[in-house]
Protein backbone atom coordinates (compact mmCIF):
# COMPACT_ATOMS: atom_id res chain seq x y z
CA GLN A 1 -3.10 -3.23 -24.48
CA VAL A 2 -4.06 -0.41 -21.92
CA GLN A 3 -4.51 3.04 -23.07
CA LEU A 4 -4.47 6.33 -20.61
CA VAL A 5 -6.10 9.54 -20.74
CA GLU A 6 -5.59 11.98 -17.75
CA SER A 7 -6.83 15.09 -17.70
CA GLY A 8 -8.10 17.94 -15.16
CA GLY A 9 -4.87 19.61 -14.90
CA GLY A 10 -4.57 23.70 -14.78
CA LEU A 11 -3.49 26.66 -12.85
CA VAL A 12 -4.83 26.96 -9.84
CA GLN A 13 -3.41 29.16 -6.73
CA ALA A 14 -1.72 27.98 -3.53
CA GLY A 15 -4.25 26.43 -1.01
CA GLY A 16 -6.58 25.63 -4.43
CA SER A 17 -7.80 22.19 -5.19
CA LEU A 18 -7.71 20.36 -8.28
CA LYS A 19 -9.25 16.61 -9.36
CA LEU A 20 -7.52 14.67 -11.96
CA SER A 21 -8.79 11.70 -13.91
CA CYS A 22 -7.04 8.91 -16.09
CA ALA A 23 -9.45 6.93 -18.06
CA ALA A 24 -8.32 3.66 -19.25
CA SER A 25 -9.29 1.61 -22.15
CA GLY A 26 -8.49 -1.75 -23.65
CA ARG A 27 -8.98 -3.83 -20.79
CA THR A 28 -10.86 -3.87 -17.67
CA LEU A 29 -8.60 -2.72 -14.35
CA SER A 30 -9.27 -5.66 -12.59
CA GLY A 31 -6.41 -7.06 -10.29
CA CYS A 32 -4.20 -3.82 -11.78
CA THR A 33 -2.59 -1.37 -9.91
CA MET A 34 -3.22 2.42 -10.49
CA GLY A 35 -0.27 4.98 -9.57
CA TRP A 36 0.43 8.84 -10.04
CA PHE A 37 3.39 10.21 -10.72
CA ARG A 38 4.75 13.51 -10.87
CA GLN A 39 7.67 15.36 -12.91
CA ALA A 40 8.72 19.13 -11.93
CA PRO A 41 11.11 20.31 -13.94
CA GLY A 42 15.00 19.48 -13.81
CA LYS A 43 13.67 16.87 -11.24
CA GLU A 44 13.41 13.06 -11.67
CA ARG A 45 10.04 11.79 -11.81
CA GLU A 46 8.13 11.00 -8.23
CA PHE A 47 5.72 9.08 -6.72
CA VAL A 48 2.56 10.44 -5.50
CA ALA A 49 -0.08 7.84 -4.96
CA ALA A 50 -1.11 4.30 -5.65
CA ILE A 51 -4.24 2.17 -5.34
CA ASN A 52 -4.95 -1.49 -5.78
CA TRP A 53 -8.15 -1.73 -8.13
CA GLY A 54 -9.24 -5.19 -6.34
CA SER A 55 -8.72 -4.66 -2.82
CA GLY A 56 -9.00 -0.57 -2.87
CA SER A 57 -5.84 -0.61 -0.43
CA THR A 58 -3.88 2.66 -1.21
CA ASN A 59 -0.42 4.33 -0.24
CA TYR A 60 0.81 7.84 -0.79
CA ALA A 61 4.32 9.58 -1.03
CA ASP A 62 4.59 11.18 2.57
CA SER A 63 4.81 14.61 0.71
CA VAL A 64 1.39 14.47 0.08
CA LYS A 65 -0.61 12.62 2.68
CA GLY A 66 -3.44 14.20 4.31
CA ARG A 67 -3.66 16.27 0.93
CA PHE A 68 -4.63 14.14 -1.89
CA THR A 69 -6.77 11.34 -2.15
CA ILE A 70 -6.56 8.57 -4.69
CA SER A 71 -9.85 6.74 -5.73
CA ARG A 72 -11.44 4.74 -8.94
CA GLU A 73 -14.55 4.06 -9.96
CA ASP A 74 -15.16 0.62 -11.44
CA ALA A 75 -17.73 1.95 -13.99
CA LYS A 76 -15.79 3.77 -15.56
CA ASN A 77 -12.35 2.36 -15.66
CA THR A 78 -10.95 5.71 -14.42
CA VAL A 79 -8.61 6.40 -11.01
CA TYR A 80 -8.45 9.96 -9.55
CA LEU A 81 -6.52 12.04 -7.54
CA ARG A 82 -8.06 14.90 -5.68
CA MET A 83 -5.31 17.47 -4.55
CA ASN A 84 -6.35 19.93 -1.83
CA SER A 85 -4.38 22.08 -0.06
CA LEU A 86 -2.10 22.65 -3.02
CA GLU A 87 1.42 24.18 -3.14
CA PRO A 88 3.95 25.89 -5.31
CA GLU A 89 6.02 22.62 -4.54
CA ASP A 90 2.91 20.05 -6.28
CA THR A 91 3.81 22.28 -9.70
CA ALA A 92 4.73 19.59 -12.09
CA VAL A 93 3.47 17.04 -14.91
CA TYR A 94 1.22 14.56 -13.32
CA TYR A 95 1.47 10.97 -15.25
CA CYS A 96 -1.27 8.07 -14.95
CA ALA A 97 0.69 4.56 -14.22
CA ALA A 98 -1.24 1.27 -15.13
CA ALA A 99 0.90 -2.08 -13.74
CA LEU A 100 -1.41 -5.68 -14.62
CA LYS A 101 -0.80 -7.19 -11.02
CA TYR A 102 -0.60 -6.28 -7.85
CA LEU A 103 2.08 -4.38 -6.81
CA GLY A 104 1.82 -3.54 -2.74
CA LEU A 105 4.95 -1.80 -1.22
CA LEU A 106 6.42 -1.99 -5.08
CA SER A 107 3.60 0.67 -5.93
CA TYR A 108 6.12 3.48 -4.96
CA TYR A 109 8.54 2.06 -7.83
CA GLY A 110 7.96 3.56 -11.59
CA SER A 111 9.77 0.79 -13.10
CA ARG A 112 6.82 -1.75 -12.11
CA TYR A 113 4.45 -0.14 -13.82
CA ASP A 114 3.46 -1.69 -17.44
CA TYR A 115 1.69 1.24 -19.13
CA TRP A 116 1.70 5.16 -19.12
CA GLY A 117 -0.46 8.73 -19.81
CA GLN A 118 0.20 11.15 -21.55
CA GLY A 119 0.33 13.91 -18.23
CA THR A 120 -1.59 17.24 -17.91
CA GLN A 121 0.37 20.00 -16.48
CA VAL A 122 -0.54 21.18 -13.17
CA THR A 123 0.79 24.75 -12.12
CA VAL A 124 0.29 26.08 -8.24
CA SER A 125 0.74 29.92 -8.32
CA SER A 126 2.23 31.62 -4.45
């Protein structure tokens, strides 16, 4: 079992920044893929970013490329999502997810993940 706890969400003005954290417990994340997804009201959940824990390789949704950065910290078993130049369209509940294997390009698909956090709200005002 893997438990994921997100933090760092909040209210920010357009153009501002936030850094989300996702702390994992229950096992080390070696060999895992960690992803961030988001769901806005009335919309389907969508992929944001993913990182392969071992290699550090990353994938991003086109809508966040150049603005968001996913990273990991081995010692804390934690994955981060740094979000810059935030836009009102980024408003959503952000979820962290863990897959117990290397996903590669399959990291875009939420169905490939084994564990999910409870989510943290990000609200960007215009």
